[in-house]
Amino acid sequence: MKLKRELADRLNKSVFTAYHNNKAILQLSAAAEGKGSPLQPLGLNRQRQTNYVALWLNTNASYSATGNWSGASPNYLVTLGNKNGKATAEATIEKNNRLIFKYEGTPVAFEKIPD
């Protein structure tokens, strides 16, 4: 649950744009750009901490990315690069116009904005 909240907070209001010339941009919200997790350790009482958060949750910042896309519906390849490196992921479009691929090793989904 913590990881799910972490990713939802970090990627909330992000926008993935695929252009006609096969360029792609993943723009994170300004509040999340280059920042670590806002999560803090939870505890049942103030004397003793009972639930530790992994260090990477607080230090593994995400950044907006640029790259390319290729392929045809419903299967695509998305290549994005940022300060954390460059990676290619397989992307698929579901029947409900939701694009799903992995970003920095984490599955993400984007819904199509009507024209």
N, C-alpha and C. Protein backbone atom coordinates (compact mmCIF):
# COMPACT_ATOMS: atom_id res chain seq x y z
N MET A 1 0.82 -1.19 0.00
CA MET A 1 0.00 0.00 0.00
C MET A 1 0.87 1.26 0.00
N LYS A 2 1.98 1.22 0.74
CA LYS A 2 2.85 2.39 0.78
C LYS A 2 3.43 2.69 -0.60
N LEU A 3 3.87 1.64 -1.28
CA LEU A 3 4.44 1.82 -2.60
C LEU A 3 3.38 2.35 -3.58
N LYS A 4 2.19 1.84 -3.49
CA LYS A 4 1.11 2.32 -4.35
C LYS A 4 0.83 3.80 -4.10
N ARG A 5 0.78 4.20 -2.83
CA ARG A 5 0.58 5.63 -2.51
C ARG A 5 1.74 6.47 -3.00
N GLU A 6 2.95 5.95 -2.82
CA GLU A 6 4.15 6.66 -3.26
C GLU A 6 4.08 6.96 -4.75
N LEU A 7 3.77 5.95 -5.55
CA LEU A 7 3.73 6.13 -6.99
C LEU A 7 2.57 7.02 -7.42
N ALA A 8 1.45 6.87 -6.76
CA ALA A 8 0.31 7.72 -7.10
C ALA A 8 0.62 9.18 -6.79
N ASP A 9 1.27 9.45 -5.67
CA ASP A 9 1.65 10.83 -5.33
C ASP A 9 2.69 11.37 -6.29
N ARG A 10 3.66 10.56 -6.63
CA ARG A 10 4.76 11.02 -7.47
C ARG A 10 4.32 11.26 -8.91
N LEU A 11 3.46 10.41 -9.45
CA LEU A 11 3.08 10.51 -10.86
C LEU A 11 1.73 11.17 -11.08
N ASN A 12 1.08 11.62 -10.02
CA ASN A 12 -0.21 12.28 -10.16
C ASN A 12 -0.07 13.53 -11.03
N LYS A 13 -0.99 13.74 -11.91
CA LYS A 13 -1.04 14.90 -12.82
C LYS A 13 0.11 14.93 -13.82
N SER A 14 0.73 13.79 -14.08
CA SER A 14 1.74 13.69 -15.13
C SER A 14 1.04 13.56 -16.47
N VAL A 15 1.70 14.02 -17.53
CA VAL A 15 1.12 13.97 -18.87
C VAL A 15 2.14 13.35 -19.82
N PHE A 16 1.69 12.33 -20.56
CA PHE A 16 2.51 11.72 -21.60
C PHE A 16 1.96 12.19 -22.94
N THR A 17 2.83 12.78 -23.77
CA THR A 17 2.41 13.27 -25.07
C THR A 17 3.21 12.58 -26.15
N ALA A 18 2.51 11.95 -27.10
CA ALA A 18 3.13 11.31 -28.26
C ALA A 18 2.82 12.15 -29.48
N TYR A 19 3.85 12.68 -30.13
CA TYR A 19 3.68 13.56 -31.28
C TYR A 19 3.68 12.77 -32.58
N HIS A 20 3.16 13.40 -33.65
CA HIS A 20 3.05 12.73 -34.95
C HIS A 20 4.42 12.39 -35.55
N ASN A 21 5.48 13.08 -35.16
CA ASN A 21 6.81 12.81 -35.69
C ASN A 21 7.59 11.80 -34.84
N ASN A 22 6.87 11.01 -34.07
CA ASN A 22 7.41 9.94 -33.23
C ASN A 22 8.24 10.44 -32.05
N LYS A 23 8.10 11.68 -31.68
CA LYS A 23 8.72 12.20 -30.47
C LYS A 23 7.75 11.99 -29.31
N ALA A 24 8.29 11.87 -28.12
CA ALA A 24 7.45 11.65 -26.93
C ALA A 24 8.01 12.46 -25.76
N ILE A 25 7.10 12.94 -24.93
CA ILE A 25 7.48 13.68 -23.73
C ILE A 25 6.62 13.19 -22.57
N LEU A 26 7.27 12.88 -21.46
CA LEU A 26 6.56 12.56 -20.22
C LEU A 26 6.86 13.71 -19.26
N GLN A 27 5.85 14.52 -19.01
CA GLN A 27 6.01 15.71 -18.16
C GLN A 27 5.41 15.42 -16.78
N LEU A 28 6.26 15.37 -15.76
CA LEU A 28 5.78 15.20 -14.40
C LEU A 28 5.24 16.53 -13.89
N SER A 29 4.38 16.49 -12.92
CA SER A 29 3.86 17.73 -12.34
C SER A 29 5.01 18.48 -11.69
N ALA A 30 4.89 19.80 -11.65
CA ALA A 30 5.95 20.63 -11.08
C ALA A 30 6.23 20.27 -9.62
N ALA A 31 5.21 19.83 -8.91
CA ALA A 31 5.37 19.48 -7.49
C ALA A 31 6.23 18.23 -7.31
N ALA A 32 6.29 17.36 -8.34
CA ALA A 32 7.02 16.10 -8.22
C ALA A 32 8.36 16.12 -8.93
N GLU A 33 8.61 17.09 -9.78
CA GLU A 33 9.82 17.13 -10.60
C GLU A 33 11.08 17.11 -9.76
N GLY A 34 11.86 16.03 -9.87
CA GLY A 34 13.15 15.93 -9.21
C GLY A 34 13.12 15.85 -7.71
N LYS A 35 11.98 15.55 -7.13
CA LYS A 35 11.88 15.48 -5.67
C LYS A 35 11.68 14.04 -5.22
N GLY A 36 12.17 13.74 -4.05
CA GLY A 36 11.98 12.42 -3.47
C GLY A 36 10.57 12.27 -2.92
N SER A 37 10.35 11.17 -2.31
CA SER A 37 9.05 10.85 -1.75
C SER A 37 8.66 11.78 -0.60
N PRO A 38 7.37 12.15 -0.55
CA PRO A 38 6.91 12.93 0.60
C PRO A 38 6.56 12.05 1.80
N LEU A 39 6.70 10.74 1.66
CA LEU A 39 6.32 9.84 2.74
C LEU A 39 7.23 9.99 3.95
N GLN A 40 6.64 9.82 5.12
CA GLN A 40 7.40 9.83 6.35
C GLN A 40 7.07 8.55 7.11
N PRO A 41 8.00 8.09 7.94
CA PRO A 41 7.72 6.88 8.72
C PRO A 41 6.47 7.04 9.58
N LEU A 42 5.74 5.96 9.68
CA LEU A 42 4.53 5.95 10.50
C LEU A 42 4.80 5.27 11.82
N GLY A 43 4.13 5.67 12.85
CA GLY A 43 4.30 5.04 14.15
C GLY A 43 3.00 5.05 14.92
N LEU A 44 2.83 4.06 15.78
CA LEU A 44 1.61 4.00 16.58
C LEU A 44 1.69 4.92 17.78
N ASN A 45 2.90 5.13 18.27
CA ASN A 45 3.06 6.09 19.36
C ASN A 45 4.35 6.87 19.14
N ARG A 46 4.55 7.92 19.87
CA ARG A 46 5.69 8.81 19.62
C ARG A 46 7.00 8.27 20.20
N GLN A 47 6.95 7.32 21.12
CA GLN A 47 8.17 6.82 21.72
C GLN A 47 8.89 5.81 20.82
N ARG A 48 8.13 5.06 20.07
CA ARG A 48 8.74 3.97 19.32
C ARG A 48 8.21 3.96 17.89
N GLN A 49 9.11 4.00 16.93
CA GLN A 49 8.71 3.94 15.53
C GLN A 49 8.46 2.48 15.18
N THR A 50 7.31 2.19 14.58
CA THR A 50 6.97 0.80 14.32
C THR A 50 6.94 0.45 12.84
N ASN A 51 7.05 1.45 11.97
CA ASN A 51 6.94 1.15 10.56
C ASN A 51 7.98 1.97 9.80
N TYR A 52 9.07 1.33 9.39
CA TYR A 52 10.15 2.03 8.71
C TYR A 52 9.91 2.08 7.20
N VAL A 53 10.26 3.20 6.58
CA VAL A 53 10.14 3.37 5.14
C VAL A 53 11.51 3.11 4.53
N ALA A 54 11.55 2.35 3.44
CA ALA A 54 12.81 2.07 2.77
C ALA A 54 13.47 3.37 2.32
N LEU A 55 14.79 3.42 2.38
CA LEU A 55 15.52 4.64 2.06
C LEU A 55 15.26 5.11 0.64
N TRP A 56 15.14 4.16 -0.32
CA TRP A 56 14.96 4.59 -1.71
C TRP A 56 13.65 5.34 -1.91
N LEU A 57 12.65 5.12 -1.06
CA LEU A 57 11.39 5.84 -1.21
C LEU A 57 11.59 7.34 -0.98
N ASN A 58 12.57 7.71 -0.18
CA ASN A 58 12.82 9.11 0.11
C ASN A 58 13.87 9.74 -0.79
N THR A 59 14.65 8.94 -1.49
CA THR A 59 15.77 9.49 -2.25
C THR A 59 15.68 9.27 -3.75
N ASN A 60 14.85 8.39 -4.24
CA ASN A 60 14.80 8.05 -5.65
C ASN A 60 13.89 9.03 -6.40
N ALA A 61 14.41 10.20 -6.72
CA ALA A 61 13.62 11.23 -7.38
C ALA A 61 13.35 10.87 -8.84
N SER A 62 12.20 11.28 -9.35
CA SER A 62 11.85 11.10 -10.75
C SER A 62 11.94 12.44 -11.46
N TYR A 63 12.21 12.37 -12.75
CA TYR A 63 12.33 13.57 -13.56
C TYR A 63 11.49 13.39 -14.82
N SER A 64 11.07 14.50 -15.39
CA SER A 64 10.40 14.46 -16.68
C SER A 64 11.37 13.86 -17.70
N ALA A 65 10.82 13.32 -18.80
CA ALA A 65 11.65 12.63 -19.76
C ALA A 65 11.22 12.95 -21.19
N THR A 66 12.17 12.84 -22.10
CA THR A 66 11.88 12.99 -23.53
C THR A 66 12.41 11.78 -24.25
N GLY A 67 11.84 11.51 -25.43
CA GLY A 67 12.30 10.37 -26.19
C GLY A 67 11.49 10.17 -27.45
N ASN A 68 11.31 8.91 -27.81
CA ASN A 68 10.63 8.54 -29.04
C ASN A 68 9.64 7.42 -28.79
N TRP A 69 8.72 7.27 -29.73
CA TRP A 69 7.82 6.13 -29.73
C TRP A 69 7.81 5.55 -31.14
N SER A 70 7.47 4.26 -31.24
CA SER A 70 7.35 3.62 -32.54
C SER A 70 6.34 2.49 -32.43
N GLY A 71 5.88 2.01 -33.57
CA GLY A 71 4.93 0.92 -33.60
C GLY A 71 3.57 1.38 -34.08
N ALA A 72 2.61 0.46 -33.98
CA ALA A 72 1.24 0.74 -34.40
C ALA A 72 0.29 0.16 -33.36
N SER A 73 -0.89 0.74 -33.30
CA SER A 73 -1.88 0.33 -32.30
C SER A 73 -2.19 -1.14 -32.43
N PRO A 74 -2.26 -1.88 -31.36
CA PRO A 74 -2.26 -1.50 -29.96
C PRO A 74 -0.90 -1.66 -29.27
N ASN A 75 0.17 -1.98 -30.04
CA ASN A 75 1.48 -2.23 -29.42
C ASN A 75 2.51 -1.20 -29.89
N TYR A 76 3.21 -0.62 -28.93
CA TYR A 76 4.21 0.41 -29.22
C TYR A 76 5.47 0.14 -28.43
N LEU A 77 6.55 0.79 -28.84
CA LEU A 77 7.78 0.84 -28.06
C LEU A 77 7.99 2.30 -27.68
N VAL A 78 8.20 2.56 -26.40
CA VAL A 78 8.42 3.91 -25.90
C VAL A 78 9.83 3.96 -25.32
N THR A 79 10.65 4.88 -25.82
CA THR A 79 12.01 5.08 -25.31
C THR A 79 12.08 6.46 -24.69
N LEU A 80 12.36 6.52 -23.40
CA LEU A 80 12.42 7.79 -22.68
C LEU A 80 13.76 7.89 -21.95
N GLY A 81 14.31 9.08 -21.94
CA GLY A 81 15.56 9.32 -21.24
C GLY A 81 15.46 10.56 -20.37
N ASN A 82 16.08 10.49 -19.20
CA ASN A 82 16.13 11.63 -18.28
C ASN A 82 17.43 11.54 -17.47
N LYS A 83 17.52 12.27 -16.40
CA LYS A 83 18.74 12.27 -15.57
C LYS A 83 19.02 10.92 -14.95
N ASN A 84 18.01 10.07 -14.86
CA ASN A 84 18.18 8.74 -14.28
C ASN A 84 18.60 7.70 -15.32
N GLY A 85 18.74 8.10 -16.59
CA GLY A 85 19.14 7.17 -17.65
C GLY A 85 18.10 7.10 -18.76
N LYS A 86 18.28 6.12 -19.63
CA LYS A 86 17.41 5.95 -20.79
C LYS A 86 16.91 4.51 -20.80
N ALA A 87 15.63 4.34 -21.10
CA ALA A 87 15.07 2.99 -21.10
C ALA A 87 13.98 2.88 -22.16
N THR A 88 13.85 1.68 -22.72
CA THR A 88 12.80 1.38 -23.69
C THR A 88 11.82 0.42 -23.05
N ALA A 89 10.53 0.69 -23.23
CA ALA A 89 9.50 -0.16 -22.66
C ALA A 89 8.45 -0.48 -23.71
N GLU A 90 7.87 -1.66 -23.60
CA GLU A 90 6.74 -2.00 -24.46
C GLU A 90 5.50 -1.33 -23.91
N ALA A 91 4.73 -0.72 -24.80
CA ALA A 91 3.50 -0.05 -24.39
C ALA A 91 2.33 -0.67 -25.14
N THR A 92 1.20 -0.77 -24.47
CA THR A 92 0.00 -1.28 -25.11
C THR A 92 -1.18 -0.36 -24.82
N ILE A 93 -2.12 -0.35 -25.74
CA ILE A 93 -3.35 0.41 -25.54
C ILE A 93 -4.47 -0.57 -25.27
N GLU A 94 -5.16 -0.37 -24.16
CA GLU A 94 -6.30 -1.20 -23.82
C GLU A 94 -7.54 -0.70 -24.56
N LYS A 95 -8.61 -1.47 -24.48
CA LYS A 95 -9.86 -1.12 -25.15
C LYS A 95 -10.45 0.21 -24.67
N ASN A 96 -10.14 0.62 -23.47
CA ASN A 96 -10.68 1.86 -22.93
C ASN A 96 -9.75 3.05 -23.19
N ASN A 97 -8.88 2.93 -24.23
CA ASN A 97 -7.95 4.00 -24.63
C ASN A 97 -6.96 4.36 -23.53
N ARG A 98 -6.55 3.40 -22.75
CA ARG A 98 -5.54 3.62 -21.71
C ARG A 98 -4.21 3.05 -22.19
N LEU A 99 -3.16 3.90 -22.21
CA LEU A 99 -1.83 3.48 -22.60
C LEU A 99 -1.07 3.04 -21.36
N ILE A 100 -0.48 1.85 -21.42
CA ILE A 100 0.23 1.30 -20.26
C ILE A 100 1.65 0.93 -20.68
N PHE A 101 2.63 1.39 -19.88
CA PHE A 101 4.03 1.00 -20.08
C PHE A 101 4.78 1.18 -18.77
N LYS A 102 6.05 0.77 -18.75
CA LYS A 102 6.85 0.92 -17.53
C LYS A 102 7.72 2.16 -17.65
N TYR A 103 7.72 2.95 -16.58
CA TYR A 103 8.58 4.13 -16.49
C TYR A 103 9.43 3.97 -15.25
N GLU A 104 10.74 3.98 -15.43
CA GLU A 104 11.69 3.75 -14.35
C GLU A 104 11.35 2.46 -13.59
N GLY A 105 10.97 1.43 -14.37
CA GLY A 105 10.70 0.12 -13.79
C GLY A 105 9.34 -0.04 -13.15
N THR A 106 8.51 0.99 -13.22
CA THR A 106 7.19 0.95 -12.58
C THR A 106 6.09 1.07 -13.62
N PRO A 107 5.10 0.17 -13.60
CA PRO A 107 4.00 0.29 -14.57
C PRO A 107 3.21 1.59 -14.34
N VAL A 108 2.97 2.30 -15.43
CA VAL A 108 2.16 3.53 -15.38
C VAL A 108 1.08 3.43 -16.45
N ALA A 109 -0.01 4.14 -16.25
CA ALA A 109 -1.13 4.13 -17.21
C ALA A 109 -1.58 5.56 -17.43
N PHE A 110 -1.86 5.87 -18.69
CA PHE A 110 -2.33 7.20 -19.06
C PHE A 110 -3.62 7.06 -19.85
N GLU A 111 -4.58 7.89 -19.52
CA GLU A 111 -5.85 7.88 -20.27
C GLU A 111 -5.81 8.94 -21.35
N LYS A 112 -6.38 8.61 -22.51
CA LYS A 112 -6.39 9.53 -23.62
C LYS A 112 -7.28 10.73 -23.33
N ILE A 113 -6.75 11.91 -23.62
CA ILE A 113 -7.53 13.14 -23.46
C ILE A 113 -8.29 13.34 -24.77
N PRO A 114 -9.60 13.57 -24.71
CA PRO A 114 -10.37 13.75 -25.94
C PRO A 114 -9.84 14.91 -26.77
N ASP A 115 -9.91 14.76 -28.10
CA ASP A 115 -9.44 15.84 -29.00
C ASP A 115 -10.29 17.06 -28.91
